[in-house]
Amino acid sequence: MEINLDSQEILSAKEAAEIWHKNTDYVRTSIHKSPEKWPKGSWRKFGKQIIVTAYGMEQVTGKKDPRKQGKLNAKCK
């Protein structure tokens, strides 16, 4: 299996929180308090850095990736 680390689907916890308009500690707190809400493989900790997937954020927040929403709206025009 090949993983593209340049993919926009892989985000730092802070970056993900900003994209979903959440508090900067949202991801870290959510993983700490409710790890069962995160799909398996949707987050990982490297040292002190937490990396998450856009899919994981969509599942936890119940909201689609806001970056994709803009693309969908542009296609509808």
N, C-alpha and C. Protein backbone atom coordinates (compact mmCIF):
# COMPACT_ATOMS: atom_id res chain seq x y z
N MET A 1 0.84 -1.18 0.00
CA MET A 1 0.00 0.00 0.00
C MET A 1 0.89 1.24 0.00
N GLU A 2 0.59 2.16 -0.88
CA GLU A 2 1.35 3.39 -0.98
C GLU A 2 0.55 4.54 -0.36
N ILE A 3 1.21 5.35 0.45
CA ILE A 3 0.56 6.49 1.09
C ILE A 3 1.23 7.76 0.60
N ASN A 4 0.42 8.69 0.13
CA ASN A 4 0.93 9.97 -0.36
C ASN A 4 0.86 10.98 0.78
N LEU A 5 1.99 11.34 1.34
CA LEU A 5 2.02 12.27 2.47
C LEU A 5 1.72 13.71 2.04
N ASP A 6 1.66 13.96 0.74
CA ASP A 6 1.29 15.28 0.24
C ASP A 6 -0.23 15.42 0.07
N SER A 7 -0.95 14.35 0.32
CA SER A 7 -2.40 14.35 0.14
C SER A 7 -3.08 15.36 1.05
N GLN A 8 -4.10 16.03 0.51
CA GLN A 8 -4.88 16.96 1.32
C GLN A 8 -5.80 16.23 2.30
N GLU A 9 -5.84 14.91 2.20
CA GLU A 9 -6.65 14.11 3.11
C GLU A 9 -5.95 13.88 4.45
N ILE A 10 -4.66 14.19 4.53
CA ILE A 10 -3.88 14.02 5.76
C ILE A 10 -3.59 15.41 6.32
N LEU A 11 -4.00 15.62 7.58
CA LEU A 11 -3.92 16.96 8.18
C LEU A 11 -3.33 16.90 9.58
N SER A 12 -2.69 17.98 9.98
CA SER A 12 -2.30 18.09 11.38
C SER A 12 -3.58 18.37 12.18
N ALA A 13 -3.56 18.09 13.46
CA ALA A 13 -4.73 18.33 14.30
C ALA A 13 -5.14 19.80 14.26
N LYS A 14 -4.17 20.68 14.31
CA LYS A 14 -4.46 22.12 14.29
C LYS A 14 -5.07 22.54 12.96
N GLU A 15 -4.48 22.05 11.88
CA GLU A 15 -4.98 22.38 10.54
C GLU A 15 -6.42 21.88 10.36
N ALA A 16 -6.68 20.65 10.82
CA ALA A 16 -8.03 20.09 10.71
C ALA A 16 -9.04 20.92 11.50
N ALA A 17 -8.66 21.30 12.71
CA ALA A 17 -9.55 22.12 13.54
C ALA A 17 -9.87 23.45 12.85
N GLU A 18 -8.88 24.06 12.26
CA GLU A 18 -9.10 25.33 11.56
C GLU A 18 -10.03 25.15 10.36
N ILE A 19 -9.84 24.10 9.59
CA ILE A 19 -10.67 23.85 8.41
C ILE A 19 -12.12 23.63 8.80
N TRP A 20 -12.35 22.90 9.88
CA TRP A 20 -13.71 22.61 10.34
C TRP A 20 -14.24 23.69 11.29
N HIS A 21 -13.52 24.78 11.44
CA HIS A 21 -13.91 25.92 12.29
C HIS A 21 -14.16 25.48 13.74
N LYS A 22 -13.19 24.74 14.27
CA LYS A 22 -13.24 24.27 15.66
C LYS A 22 -12.11 24.91 16.45
N ASN A 23 -12.22 24.82 17.76
CA ASN A 23 -11.15 25.27 18.65
C ASN A 23 -9.88 24.50 18.31
N THR A 24 -8.73 25.15 18.43
CA THR A 24 -7.46 24.50 18.05
C THR A 24 -7.17 23.23 18.85
N ASP A 25 -7.76 23.08 20.03
CA ASP A 25 -7.56 21.87 20.85
C ASP A 25 -8.64 20.81 20.61
N TYR A 26 -9.55 21.07 19.69
CA TYR A 26 -10.69 20.18 19.46
C TYR A 26 -10.27 18.74 19.17
N VAL A 27 -9.37 18.56 18.24
CA VAL A 27 -8.97 17.21 17.82
C VAL A 27 -8.30 16.46 18.97
N ARG A 28 -7.34 17.09 19.59
CA ARG A 28 -6.62 16.45 20.70
C ARG A 28 -7.59 16.06 21.83
N THR A 29 -8.49 16.97 22.18
CA THR A 29 -9.46 16.71 23.25
C THR A 29 -10.42 15.59 22.85
N SER A 30 -10.89 15.63 21.61
CA SER A 30 -11.82 14.61 21.13
C SER A 30 -11.19 13.22 21.15
N ILE A 31 -9.96 13.12 20.68
CA ILE A 31 -9.28 11.82 20.68
C ILE A 31 -9.04 11.33 22.11
N HIS A 32 -8.68 12.24 23.00
CA HIS A 32 -8.41 11.87 24.39
C HIS A 32 -9.69 11.43 25.11
N LYS A 33 -10.79 12.18 24.93
CA LYS A 33 -12.03 11.90 25.66
C LYS A 33 -12.91 10.84 25.00
N SER A 34 -12.90 10.78 23.67
CA SER A 34 -13.80 9.87 22.95
C SER A 34 -13.11 9.17 21.78
N PRO A 35 -12.08 8.40 22.05
CA PRO A 35 -11.35 7.76 20.94
C PRO A 35 -12.23 6.81 20.12
N GLU A 36 -13.29 6.28 20.72
CA GLU A 36 -14.17 5.35 20.01
C GLU A 36 -14.94 6.02 18.86
N LYS A 37 -15.03 7.34 18.89
CA LYS A 37 -15.72 8.07 17.81
C LYS A 37 -14.88 8.14 16.54
N TRP A 38 -13.58 7.94 16.67
CA TRP A 38 -12.67 8.05 15.53
C TRP A 38 -12.54 6.70 14.84
N PRO A 39 -12.81 6.64 13.53
CA PRO A 39 -12.64 5.38 12.80
C PRO A 39 -11.20 4.87 12.91
N LYS A 40 -11.07 3.56 12.93
CA LYS A 40 -9.74 2.96 13.02
C LYS A 40 -8.86 3.47 11.88
N GLY A 41 -7.65 3.89 12.22
CA GLY A 41 -6.70 4.37 11.23
C GLY A 41 -6.89 5.81 10.79
N SER A 42 -7.83 6.53 11.43
CA SER A 42 -8.10 7.91 11.01
C SER A 42 -7.26 8.94 11.77
N TRP A 43 -6.46 8.48 12.72
CA TRP A 43 -5.55 9.39 13.42
C TRP A 43 -4.33 8.62 13.89
N ARG A 44 -3.27 9.38 14.11
CA ARG A 44 -2.03 8.78 14.63
C ARG A 44 -1.22 9.86 15.30
N LYS A 45 -0.51 9.48 16.34
CA LYS A 45 0.34 10.42 17.06
C LYS A 45 1.80 10.12 16.72
N PHE A 46 2.52 11.17 16.33
CA PHE A 46 3.96 11.08 16.05
C PHE A 46 4.64 12.01 17.02
N GLY A 47 5.22 11.47 18.08
CA GLY A 47 5.79 12.32 19.13
C GLY A 47 4.66 13.09 19.78
N LYS A 48 4.71 14.41 19.69
CA LYS A 48 3.64 15.25 20.25
C LYS A 48 2.63 15.68 19.19
N GLN A 49 2.92 15.36 17.94
CA GLN A 49 2.07 15.79 16.81
C GLN A 49 0.99 14.76 16.52
N ILE A 50 -0.26 15.20 16.40
CA ILE A 50 -1.35 14.32 16.00
C ILE A 50 -1.70 14.61 14.55
N ILE A 51 -1.80 13.55 13.77
CA ILE A 51 -2.17 13.64 12.36
C ILE A 51 -3.51 12.93 12.21
N VAL A 52 -4.43 13.55 11.47
CA VAL A 52 -5.75 12.96 11.26
C VAL A 52 -6.07 12.95 9.77
N THR A 53 -7.08 12.16 9.42
CA THR A 53 -7.56 12.16 8.04
C THR A 53 -8.81 13.03 7.94
N ALA A 54 -9.05 13.53 6.74
CA ALA A 54 -10.26 14.31 6.50
C ALA A 54 -11.48 13.42 6.75
N TYR A 55 -11.40 12.15 6.38
CA TYR A 55 -12.50 11.21 6.62
C TYR A 55 -12.81 11.11 8.12
N GLY A 56 -11.78 11.02 8.94
CA GLY A 56 -11.97 10.95 10.38
C GLY A 56 -12.68 12.19 10.91
N MET A 57 -12.26 13.35 10.43
CA MET A 57 -12.90 14.60 10.85
C MET A 57 -14.36 14.64 10.42
N GLU A 58 -14.64 14.16 9.22
CA GLU A 58 -16.03 14.12 8.74
C GLU A 58 -16.88 13.23 9.64
N GLN A 59 -16.33 12.09 10.03
CA GLN A 59 -17.08 11.16 10.87
C GLN A 59 -17.32 11.71 12.27
N VAL A 60 -16.31 12.34 12.84
CA VAL A 60 -16.41 12.85 14.21
C VAL A 60 -17.29 14.09 14.30
N THR A 61 -17.16 14.99 13.33
CA THR A 61 -17.93 16.24 13.37
C THR A 61 -19.30 16.10 12.74
N GLY A 62 -19.47 15.10 11.88
CA GLY A 62 -20.74 14.95 11.17
C GLY A 62 -20.88 15.94 10.02
N LYS A 63 -19.77 16.61 9.68
CA LYS A 63 -19.79 17.60 8.60
C LYS A 63 -18.78 17.22 7.53
N LYS A 64 -19.20 17.34 6.27
CA LYS A 64 -18.30 17.07 5.16
C LYS A 64 -17.14 18.06 5.17
N ASP A 65 -16.07 17.71 4.51
CA ASP A 65 -14.89 18.56 4.41
C ASP A 65 -15.29 19.90 3.80
N PRO A 66 -15.17 21.01 4.54
CA PRO A 66 -15.55 22.33 4.02
C PRO A 66 -14.81 22.71 2.74
N ARG A 67 -13.62 22.18 2.54
CA ARG A 67 -12.87 22.48 1.32
C ARG A 67 -13.56 21.89 0.11
N LYS A 68 -14.22 20.75 0.29
CA LYS A 68 -14.93 20.11 -0.82
C LYS A 68 -16.26 20.80 -1.08
N GLN A 69 -16.85 21.38 -0.06
CA GLN A 69 -18.12 22.09 -0.22
C GLN A 69 -17.96 23.24 -1.21
N GLY A 70 -16.86 23.96 -1.13
CA GLY A 70 -16.60 25.07 -2.04
C GLY A 70 -16.49 24.59 -3.48
N LYS A 71 -15.87 23.42 -3.67
CA LYS A 71 -15.72 22.86 -5.01
C LYS A 71 -17.07 22.44 -5.57
N LEU A 72 -17.94 21.87 -4.70
CA LEU A 72 -19.26 21.45 -5.15
C LEU A 72 -20.09 22.65 -5.56
N ASN A 73 -20.04 23.72 -4.78
CA ASN A 73 -20.80 24.93 -5.09
C ASN A 73 -20.31 25.55 -6.39
N ALA A 74 -19.02 25.53 -6.64
CA ALA A 74 -18.46 26.10 -7.87
C ALA A 74 -18.92 25.32 -9.09
N LYS A 75 -19.05 23.99 -8.96
CA LYS A 75 -19.49 23.16 -10.07
C LYS A 75 -20.96 23.39 -10.40
N CYS A 76 -21.75 23.78 -9.40
CA CYS A 76 -23.19 23.98 -9.60
C CYS A 76 -23.49 25.29 -10.32
N LYS A 77 -22.55 26.21 -10.34
CA LYS A 77 -22.80 27.52 -10.95
C LYS A 77 -22.70 27.48 -12.45
